[in-house]
Amino acid sequence: MMLHAASALCLLLVAVSSNLAIAIRKEKRPPQTLSRGWGDDITWVQTYEEGLFHTQKSNKPLMVIHHLEDCQYCQALKEVFAQNKEIQEMAQNNFIMLNLMHETTDKNLSPDGQYVPRIMFVDPSLTVRADIIGRYANRLYTYEPQDLPICNK
């Protein structure tokens, strides 16, 4: 009798644990890459410091995209950026790429405030190019989806 109860309990535990494993597997999200949806074929650096190192080493400018996951404007910009083949190629071939969901300690990356989306550029001499601006007077370094085709030129 005891053996029968123990084997029934074992079967119950196996069934519960396999169902739990299936539920956990269903809830798992795919691993987050450094692209965060901005372009999986682009080589992204992980930190600002790493970006500066590679910028100097490669003599390519660093593009820093400041964004937040819950920002509708960031999401709209990300979608157009990720789907535009020309922009993806330009980003991969001509820039060191970094996207950040937090501010850096370099205050030069927020000359007119800390807002998102904001795209800043750092040249290979490690100078933040505050002169490269978008078309909005109140947020100089923001871009909207319709602005991206002109960035290609």
N, C-alpha and C. Protein backbone atom coordinates (compact mmCIF):
# COMPACT_ATOMS: atom_id res chain seq x y z
N MET A 1 0.83 -1.19 0.00
CA MET A 1 0.00 0.00 0.00
C MET A 1 0.87 1.25 0.00
N MET A 2 1.90 1.22 0.87
CA MET A 2 2.81 2.35 0.95
C MET A 2 3.53 2.57 -0.37
N LEU A 3 3.96 1.50 -1.02
CA LEU A 3 4.65 1.56 -2.29
C LEU A 3 3.73 2.12 -3.37
N HIS A 4 2.49 1.71 -3.36
CA HIS A 4 1.50 2.20 -4.31
C HIS A 4 1.28 3.71 -4.14
N ALA A 5 1.17 4.17 -2.91
CA ALA A 5 0.97 5.60 -2.63
C ALA A 5 2.20 6.40 -3.04
N ALA A 6 3.39 5.86 -2.77
CA ALA A 6 4.64 6.55 -3.13
C ALA A 6 4.77 6.67 -4.64
N SER A 7 4.45 5.62 -5.36
CA SER A 7 4.55 5.67 -6.83
C SER A 7 3.50 6.62 -7.41
N ALA A 8 2.31 6.66 -6.80
CA ALA A 8 1.27 7.60 -7.26
C ALA A 8 1.72 9.04 -7.01
N LEU A 9 2.34 9.27 -5.85
CA LEU A 9 2.86 10.60 -5.52
C LEU A 9 3.97 10.98 -6.49
N CYS A 10 4.84 10.04 -6.82
CA CYS A 10 5.92 10.28 -7.78
C CYS A 10 5.34 10.68 -9.14
N LEU A 11 4.34 9.93 -9.59
CA LEU A 11 3.71 10.25 -10.87
C LEU A 11 3.07 11.63 -10.86
N LEU A 12 2.43 11.96 -9.76
CA LEU A 12 1.81 13.27 -9.61
C LEU A 12 2.86 14.37 -9.67
N LEU A 13 3.97 14.17 -8.95
CA LEU A 13 5.05 15.17 -8.95
C LEU A 13 5.67 15.34 -10.34
N VAL A 14 5.83 14.23 -11.05
CA VAL A 14 6.38 14.29 -12.41
C VAL A 14 5.44 15.08 -13.31
N ALA A 15 4.15 14.79 -13.20
CA ALA A 15 3.16 15.49 -14.04
C ALA A 15 3.13 16.98 -13.72
N VAL A 16 3.13 17.32 -12.44
CA VAL A 16 3.10 18.73 -12.03
C VAL A 16 4.37 19.44 -12.49
N SER A 17 5.54 18.80 -12.28
CA SER A 17 6.79 19.46 -12.64
C SER A 17 6.92 19.63 -14.16
N SER A 18 6.43 18.65 -14.94
CA SER A 18 6.52 18.80 -16.40
C SER A 18 5.58 19.90 -16.87
N ASN A 19 4.38 19.99 -16.27
CA ASN A 19 3.47 21.09 -16.62
C ASN A 19 4.04 22.43 -16.22
N LEU A 20 4.70 22.48 -15.08
CA LEU A 20 5.33 23.71 -14.62
C LEU A 20 6.45 24.10 -15.57
N ALA A 21 7.24 23.12 -15.99
CA ALA A 21 8.34 23.39 -16.93
C ALA A 21 7.80 23.93 -18.25
N ILE A 22 6.70 23.37 -18.72
CA ILE A 22 6.08 23.85 -19.96
C ILE A 22 5.60 25.28 -19.78
N ALA A 23 4.97 25.57 -18.65
CA ALA A 23 4.48 26.93 -18.38
C ALA A 23 5.64 27.92 -18.30
N ILE A 24 6.71 27.50 -17.66
CA ILE A 24 7.88 28.38 -17.56
C ILE A 24 8.49 28.62 -18.93
N ARG A 25 8.60 27.57 -19.74
CA ARG A 25 9.15 27.71 -21.08
C ARG A 25 8.31 28.66 -21.93
N LYS A 26 6.99 28.60 -21.78
CA LYS A 26 6.11 29.48 -22.55
C LYS A 26 6.31 30.93 -22.16
N GLU A 27 6.59 31.19 -20.89
CA GLU A 27 6.76 32.56 -20.42
C GLU A 27 8.13 33.13 -20.74
N LYS A 28 9.10 32.27 -21.03
CA LYS A 28 10.44 32.75 -21.34
C LYS A 28 10.41 33.61 -22.59
N ARG A 29 11.10 34.73 -22.52
CA ARG A 29 11.23 35.59 -23.69
C ARG A 29 12.53 35.24 -24.41
N PRO A 30 12.59 35.54 -25.70
CA PRO A 30 13.87 35.30 -26.38
C PRO A 30 14.95 36.19 -25.75
N PRO A 31 16.18 35.74 -25.77
CA PRO A 31 17.23 36.53 -25.14
C PRO A 31 17.34 37.90 -25.80
N GLN A 32 17.52 38.91 -24.99
CA GLN A 32 17.63 40.28 -25.48
C GLN A 32 19.04 40.49 -26.01
N THR A 33 19.15 40.94 -27.24
CA THR A 33 20.45 41.23 -27.81
C THR A 33 20.76 42.70 -27.59
N LEU A 34 21.99 43.07 -27.89
CA LEU A 34 22.39 44.47 -27.75
C LEU A 34 21.63 45.37 -28.71
N SER A 35 21.05 44.80 -29.76
CA SER A 35 20.33 45.63 -30.73
C SER A 35 19.05 46.20 -30.15
N ARG A 36 18.44 45.48 -29.22
CA ARG A 36 17.16 45.88 -28.61
C ARG A 36 16.11 46.23 -29.67
N GLY A 37 16.23 45.57 -30.83
CA GLY A 37 15.24 45.78 -31.89
C GLY A 37 15.64 46.83 -32.92
N TRP A 38 16.79 47.46 -32.77
CA TRP A 38 17.22 48.50 -33.70
C TRP A 38 17.90 47.93 -34.94
N GLY A 39 18.22 46.65 -34.94
CA GLY A 39 18.86 46.03 -36.10
C GLY A 39 19.79 44.91 -35.66
N ASP A 40 19.35 43.69 -35.85
CA ASP A 40 20.12 42.54 -35.39
C ASP A 40 21.37 42.28 -36.23
N ASP A 41 21.43 42.82 -37.44
CA ASP A 41 22.60 42.61 -38.28
C ASP A 41 23.68 43.67 -38.06
N ILE A 42 23.42 44.60 -37.18
CA ILE A 42 24.39 45.65 -36.85
C ILE A 42 25.23 45.17 -35.67
N THR A 43 26.51 45.49 -35.72
CA THR A 43 27.39 45.19 -34.58
C THR A 43 27.22 46.33 -33.57
N TRP A 44 26.71 46.02 -32.39
CA TRP A 44 26.46 47.01 -31.35
C TRP A 44 27.50 46.88 -30.25
N VAL A 45 27.93 48.01 -29.72
CA VAL A 45 28.79 47.98 -28.54
C VAL A 45 27.89 48.03 -27.32
N GLN A 46 28.42 47.59 -26.19
CA GLN A 46 27.60 47.46 -24.99
C GLN A 46 27.60 48.72 -24.13
N THR A 47 28.72 49.46 -24.10
CA THR A 47 28.82 50.63 -23.23
C THR A 47 29.36 51.82 -24.01
N TYR A 48 29.17 52.99 -23.45
CA TYR A 48 29.69 54.22 -24.04
C TYR A 48 31.22 54.16 -24.11
N GLU A 49 31.84 53.67 -23.05
CA GLU A 49 33.29 53.58 -23.01
C GLU A 49 33.82 52.65 -24.11
N GLU A 50 33.13 51.52 -24.30
CA GLU A 50 33.51 50.60 -25.37
C GLU A 50 33.35 51.26 -26.73
N GLY A 51 32.27 52.02 -26.89
CA GLY A 51 32.04 52.75 -28.14
C GLY A 51 33.15 53.74 -28.42
N LEU A 52 33.58 54.48 -27.41
CA LEU A 52 34.66 55.45 -27.59
C LEU A 52 35.96 54.74 -27.99
N PHE A 53 36.24 53.61 -27.37
CA PHE A 53 37.44 52.83 -27.70
C PHE A 53 37.42 52.42 -29.17
N HIS A 54 36.29 51.84 -29.62
CA HIS A 54 36.19 51.36 -30.99
C HIS A 54 36.16 52.52 -31.99
N THR A 55 35.61 53.65 -31.59
CA THR A 55 35.59 54.84 -32.46
C THR A 55 37.02 55.29 -32.75
N GLN A 56 37.82 55.37 -31.72
CA GLN A 56 39.20 55.79 -31.90
C GLN A 56 39.98 54.75 -32.71
N LYS A 57 39.78 53.50 -32.39
CA LYS A 57 40.52 52.41 -33.03
C LYS A 57 40.17 52.28 -34.52
N SER A 58 38.89 52.40 -34.86
CA SER A 58 38.43 52.18 -36.23
C SER A 58 38.39 53.45 -37.07
N ASN A 59 38.47 54.60 -36.41
CA ASN A 59 38.35 55.90 -37.07
C ASN A 59 36.95 56.12 -37.68
N LYS A 60 35.95 55.44 -37.10
CA LYS A 60 34.54 55.63 -37.49
C LYS A 60 33.86 56.41 -36.38
N PRO A 61 32.89 57.27 -36.72
CA PRO A 61 32.15 57.99 -35.67
C PRO A 61 31.24 57.04 -34.89
N LEU A 62 30.96 57.44 -33.68
CA LEU A 62 30.04 56.70 -32.80
C LEU A 62 28.66 57.33 -32.89
N MET A 63 27.63 56.51 -33.13
CA MET A 63 26.25 56.99 -33.09
C MET A 63 25.64 56.45 -31.80
N VAL A 64 25.14 57.37 -30.97
CA VAL A 64 24.54 56.98 -29.69
C VAL A 64 23.05 57.28 -29.77
N ILE A 65 22.24 56.23 -29.68
CA ILE A 65 20.79 56.37 -29.73
C ILE A 65 20.27 56.22 -28.29
N HIS A 66 19.70 57.28 -27.75
CA HIS A 66 19.08 57.24 -26.43
C HIS A 66 17.60 56.95 -26.63
N HIS A 67 17.08 55.95 -25.92
CA HIS A 67 15.67 55.58 -26.09
C HIS A 67 15.17 54.88 -24.84
N LEU A 68 13.86 54.68 -24.80
CA LEU A 68 13.21 53.92 -23.73
C LEU A 68 12.22 52.95 -24.37
N GLU A 69 12.05 51.79 -23.75
CA GLU A 69 11.12 50.78 -24.28
C GLU A 69 9.67 51.26 -24.27
N ASP A 70 9.28 52.04 -23.27
CA ASP A 70 7.87 52.42 -23.16
C ASP A 70 7.57 53.78 -23.79
N CYS A 71 8.45 54.27 -24.63
CA CYS A 71 8.25 55.55 -25.32
C CYS A 71 7.71 55.29 -26.72
N GLN A 72 6.51 55.79 -27.01
CA GLN A 72 5.90 55.54 -28.32
C GLN A 72 6.70 56.16 -29.46
N TYR A 73 7.34 57.30 -29.22
CA TYR A 73 8.13 57.95 -30.25
C TYR A 73 9.41 57.15 -30.54
N CYS A 74 10.00 56.60 -29.48
CA CYS A 74 11.18 55.74 -29.63
C CYS A 74 10.82 54.49 -30.42
N GLN A 75 9.67 53.90 -30.10
CA GLN A 75 9.25 52.67 -30.78
C GLN A 75 9.00 52.92 -32.26
N ALA A 76 8.39 54.05 -32.59
CA ALA A 76 8.12 54.38 -33.99
C ALA A 76 9.43 54.60 -34.75
N LEU A 77 10.37 55.31 -34.13
CA LEU A 77 11.67 55.54 -34.75
C LEU A 77 12.43 54.23 -34.92
N LYS A 78 12.40 53.40 -33.91
CA LYS A 78 13.09 52.10 -33.95
C LYS A 78 12.56 51.24 -35.09
N GLU A 79 11.25 51.22 -35.27
CA GLU A 79 10.64 50.39 -36.30
C GLU A 79 11.12 50.81 -37.69
N VAL A 80 11.12 52.11 -37.97
CA VAL A 80 11.57 52.59 -39.27
C VAL A 80 13.07 52.37 -39.44
N PHE A 81 13.84 52.63 -38.39
CA PHE A 81 15.29 52.44 -38.42
C PHE A 81 15.63 50.98 -38.73
N ALA A 82 14.95 50.06 -38.06
CA ALA A 82 15.24 48.63 -38.22
C ALA A 82 14.79 48.08 -39.56
N GLN A 83 13.77 48.67 -40.17
CA GLN A 83 13.23 48.14 -41.43
C GLN A 83 13.86 48.74 -42.67
N ASN A 84 14.60 49.84 -42.52
CA ASN A 84 15.19 50.52 -43.67
C ASN A 84 16.56 49.91 -43.97
N LYS A 85 16.66 49.20 -45.09
CA LYS A 85 17.91 48.50 -45.45
C LYS A 85 19.08 49.45 -45.61
N GLU A 86 18.85 50.61 -46.24
CA GLU A 86 19.93 51.57 -46.44
C GLU A 86 20.47 52.09 -45.11
N ILE A 87 19.58 52.39 -44.20
CA ILE A 87 20.00 52.88 -42.89
C ILE A 87 20.74 51.78 -42.14
N GLN A 88 20.25 50.55 -42.23
CA GLN A 88 20.92 49.43 -41.56
C GLN A 88 22.33 49.25 -42.10
N GLU A 89 22.50 49.31 -43.43
CA GLU A 89 23.83 49.17 -44.03
C GLU A 89 24.74 50.31 -43.63
N MET A 90 24.21 51.54 -43.66
CA MET A 90 25.00 52.70 -43.27
C MET A 90 25.44 52.58 -41.82
N ALA A 91 24.54 52.17 -40.94
CA ALA A 91 24.87 52.03 -39.53
C ALA A 91 25.95 50.97 -39.34
N GLN A 92 25.82 49.84 -40.02
CA GLN A 92 26.79 48.75 -39.88
C GLN A 92 28.15 49.11 -40.44
N ASN A 93 28.16 49.77 -41.60
CA ASN A 93 29.43 50.00 -42.32
C ASN A 93 30.14 51.30 -41.96
N ASN A 94 29.39 52.31 -41.53
CA ASN A 94 30.00 53.64 -41.37
C ASN A 94 30.08 54.14 -39.93
N PHE A 95 29.51 53.40 -38.98
CA PHE A 95 29.46 53.88 -37.61
C PHE A 95 29.80 52.78 -36.62
N ILE A 96 30.23 53.19 -35.45
CA ILE A 96 30.22 52.34 -34.27
C ILE A 96 28.86 52.63 -33.65
N MET A 97 28.10 51.62 -33.32
CA MET A 97 26.71 51.81 -32.90
C MET A 97 26.50 51.44 -31.43
N LEU A 98 25.75 52.32 -30.75
CA LEU A 98 25.38 52.11 -29.35
C LEU A 98 23.98 52.62 -29.14
N ASN A 99 23.13 51.80 -28.52
CA ASN A 99 21.82 52.29 -28.11
C ASN A 99 21.74 52.16 -26.60
N LEU A 100 21.28 53.22 -25.97
CA LEU A 100 21.25 53.29 -24.50
C LEU A 100 19.84 53.55 -24.00
N MET A 101 19.51 52.87 -22.91
CA MET A 101 18.23 53.11 -22.25
C MET A 101 18.46 53.82 -20.91
N HIS A 102 19.64 54.40 -20.75
CA HIS A 102 19.99 55.16 -19.56
C HIS A 102 20.98 56.24 -19.98
N GLU A 103 21.14 57.24 -19.15
CA GLU A 103 22.06 58.32 -19.47
C GLU A 103 23.50 57.92 -19.13
N THR A 104 24.45 58.55 -19.79
CA THR A 104 25.86 58.32 -19.49
C THR A 104 26.34 59.42 -18.55
N THR A 105 27.56 59.28 -18.09
CA THR A 105 28.13 60.33 -17.23
C THR A 105 28.65 61.49 -18.06
N ASP A 106 28.73 61.33 -19.38
CA ASP A 106 29.22 62.40 -20.25
C ASP A 106 28.08 63.39 -20.52
N LYS A 107 28.13 64.51 -19.85
CA LYS A 107 27.07 65.53 -19.98
C LYS A 107 27.04 66.15 -21.38
N ASN A 108 28.12 65.96 -22.15
CA ASN A 108 28.14 66.47 -23.52
C ASN A 108 27.13 65.75 -24.41
N LEU A 109 26.67 64.58 -23.97
CA LEU A 109 25.68 63.84 -24.75
C LEU A 109 24.25 64.32 -24.50
N SER A 110 24.10 65.31 -23.65
CA SER A 110 22.76 65.88 -23.41
C SER A 110 22.87 67.40 -23.33
N PRO A 111 23.36 68.04 -24.42
CA PRO A 111 23.58 69.49 -24.37
C PRO A 111 22.31 70.31 -24.19
N ASP A 112 21.16 69.78 -24.62
CA ASP A 112 19.91 70.53 -24.45
C ASP A 112 18.89 69.75 -23.62
N GLY A 113 19.37 68.82 -22.81
CA GLY A 113 18.47 68.08 -21.92
C GLY A 113 18.50 66.58 -22.16
N GLN A 114 17.91 65.87 -21.22
CA GLN A 114 17.86 64.41 -21.29
C GLN A 114 16.46 63.98 -21.70
N TYR A 115 16.26 63.78 -22.97
CA TYR A 115 14.97 63.36 -23.51
C TYR A 115 15.21 62.21 -24.48
N VAL A 116 14.16 61.53 -24.84
CA VAL A 116 14.24 60.45 -25.81
C VAL A 116 13.12 60.62 -26.83
N PRO A 117 13.29 60.16 -28.03
CA PRO A 117 14.54 59.65 -28.57
C PRO A 117 15.52 60.78 -28.84
N ARG A 118 16.79 60.47 -28.70
CA ARG A 118 17.85 61.44 -28.94
C ARG A 118 19.02 60.70 -29.57
N ILE A 119 19.54 61.24 -30.66
CA ILE A 119 20.67 60.63 -31.34
C ILE A 119 21.82 61.64 -31.35
N MET A 120 22.94 61.19 -30.81
CA MET A 120 24.14 62.03 -30.75
C MET A 120 25.27 61.32 -31.49
N PHE A 121 26.23 62.10 -31.95
CA PHE A 121 27.37 61.55 -32.66
C PHE A 121 28.65 61.99 -31.99
N VAL A 122 29.62 61.09 -31.96
CA VAL A 122 30.94 61.38 -31.42
C VAL A 122 31.94 61.03 -32.51
N ASP A 123 32.81 62.00 -32.88
CA ASP A 123 33.76 61.71 -33.95
C ASP A 123 34.98 60.97 -33.42
N PRO A 124 35.84 60.47 -34.30
CA PRO A 124 36.99 59.67 -33.87
C PRO A 124 37.98 60.40 -32.97
N SER A 125 37.93 61.74 -32.94
CA SER A 125 38.79 62.48 -32.01
C SER A 125 38.13 62.55 -30.63
N LEU A 126 36.99 61.85 -30.47
CA LEU A 126 36.20 61.77 -29.23
C LEU A 126 35.50 63.09 -28.90
N THR A 127 35.23 63.87 -29.92
CA THR A 127 34.47 65.12 -29.75
C THR A 127 33.00 64.83 -30.01
N VAL A 128 32.16 65.21 -29.04
CA VAL A 128 30.71 65.08 -29.24
C VAL A 128 30.31 66.15 -30.24
N ARG A 129 29.68 65.73 -31.32
CA ARG A 129 29.31 66.64 -32.40
C ARG A 129 27.95 67.27 -32.13
N ALA A 130 27.94 68.28 -31.28
CA ALA A 130 26.71 68.99 -30.93
C ALA A 130 26.19 69.81 -32.11
N ASP A 131 27.00 69.95 -33.16
CA ASP A 131 26.58 70.71 -34.34
C ASP A 131 25.72 69.89 -35.30
N ILE A 132 25.64 68.59 -35.11
CA ILE A 132 24.80 67.74 -35.97
C ILE A 132 23.44 67.63 -35.29
N ILE A 133 22.49 68.37 -35.85
CA ILE A 133 21.17 68.48 -35.20
C ILE A 133 20.05 68.07 -36.14
N GLY A 134 18.91 67.77 -35.55
CA GLY A 134 17.71 67.46 -36.30
C GLY A 134 16.99 68.75 -36.68
N ARG A 135 15.72 68.64 -36.95
CA ARG A 135 14.98 69.81 -37.43
C ARG A 135 14.09 70.46 -36.39
N TYR A 136 14.20 70.06 -35.13
CA TYR A 136 13.30 70.57 -34.09
C TYR A 136 14.06 71.52 -33.16
N ALA A 137 13.57 72.74 -33.05
CA ALA A 137 14.25 73.76 -32.24
C ALA A 137 14.18 73.46 -30.75
N ASN A 138 13.13 72.78 -30.31
CA ASN A 138 12.98 72.52 -28.87
C ASN A 138 13.67 71.23 -28.42
N ARG A 139 14.02 70.37 -29.35
CA ARG A 139 14.77 69.13 -29.06
C ARG A 139 15.70 68.91 -30.24
N LEU A 140 16.87 69.49 -30.14
CA LEU A 140 17.79 69.56 -31.27
C LEU A 140 18.24 68.20 -31.80
N TYR A 141 18.28 67.19 -30.94
CA TYR A 141 18.89 65.91 -31.33
C TYR A 141 17.87 64.78 -31.43
N THR A 142 16.61 65.16 -31.61
CA THR A 142 15.58 64.13 -31.78
C THR A 142 15.26 63.99 -33.26
N TYR A 143 14.87 62.79 -33.62
CA TYR A 143 14.49 62.50 -35.00
C TYR A 143 13.20 61.71 -34.94
N GLU A 144 12.38 61.90 -35.95
CA GLU A 144 11.14 61.15 -36.08
C GLU A 144 11.28 60.23 -37.29
N PRO A 145 10.40 59.24 -37.40
CA PRO A 145 10.52 58.29 -38.51
C PRO A 145 10.63 58.95 -39.89
N GLN A 146 9.88 60.03 -40.10
CA GLN A 146 9.92 60.67 -41.43
C GLN A 146 11.24 61.41 -41.67
N ASP A 147 12.05 61.61 -40.63
CA ASP A 147 13.34 62.28 -40.78
C ASP A 147 14.44 61.35 -41.28
N LEU A 148 14.27 60.05 -41.11
CA LEU A 148 15.35 59.11 -41.40
C LEU A 148 15.81 59.09 -42.86
N PRO A 149 14.91 59.20 -43.84
CA PRO A 149 15.42 59.21 -45.21
C PRO A 149 16.42 60.35 -45.48
N ILE A 150 16.26 61.50 -44.86
CA ILE A 150 17.21 62.60 -45.08
C ILE A 150 18.54 62.33 -44.37
N CYS A 151 18.52 61.48 -43.36
CA CYS A 151 19.76 61.14 -42.65
C CYS A 151 20.66 60.29 -43.52
N ASN A 152 20.09 59.66 -44.52
CA ASN A 152 20.84 58.79 -45.42
C ASN A 152 21.76 59.57 -46.35
N LYS A 153 21.48 60.82 -46.53
CA LYS A 153 22.21 61.60 -47.55
C LYS A 153 23.48 62.17 -47.03
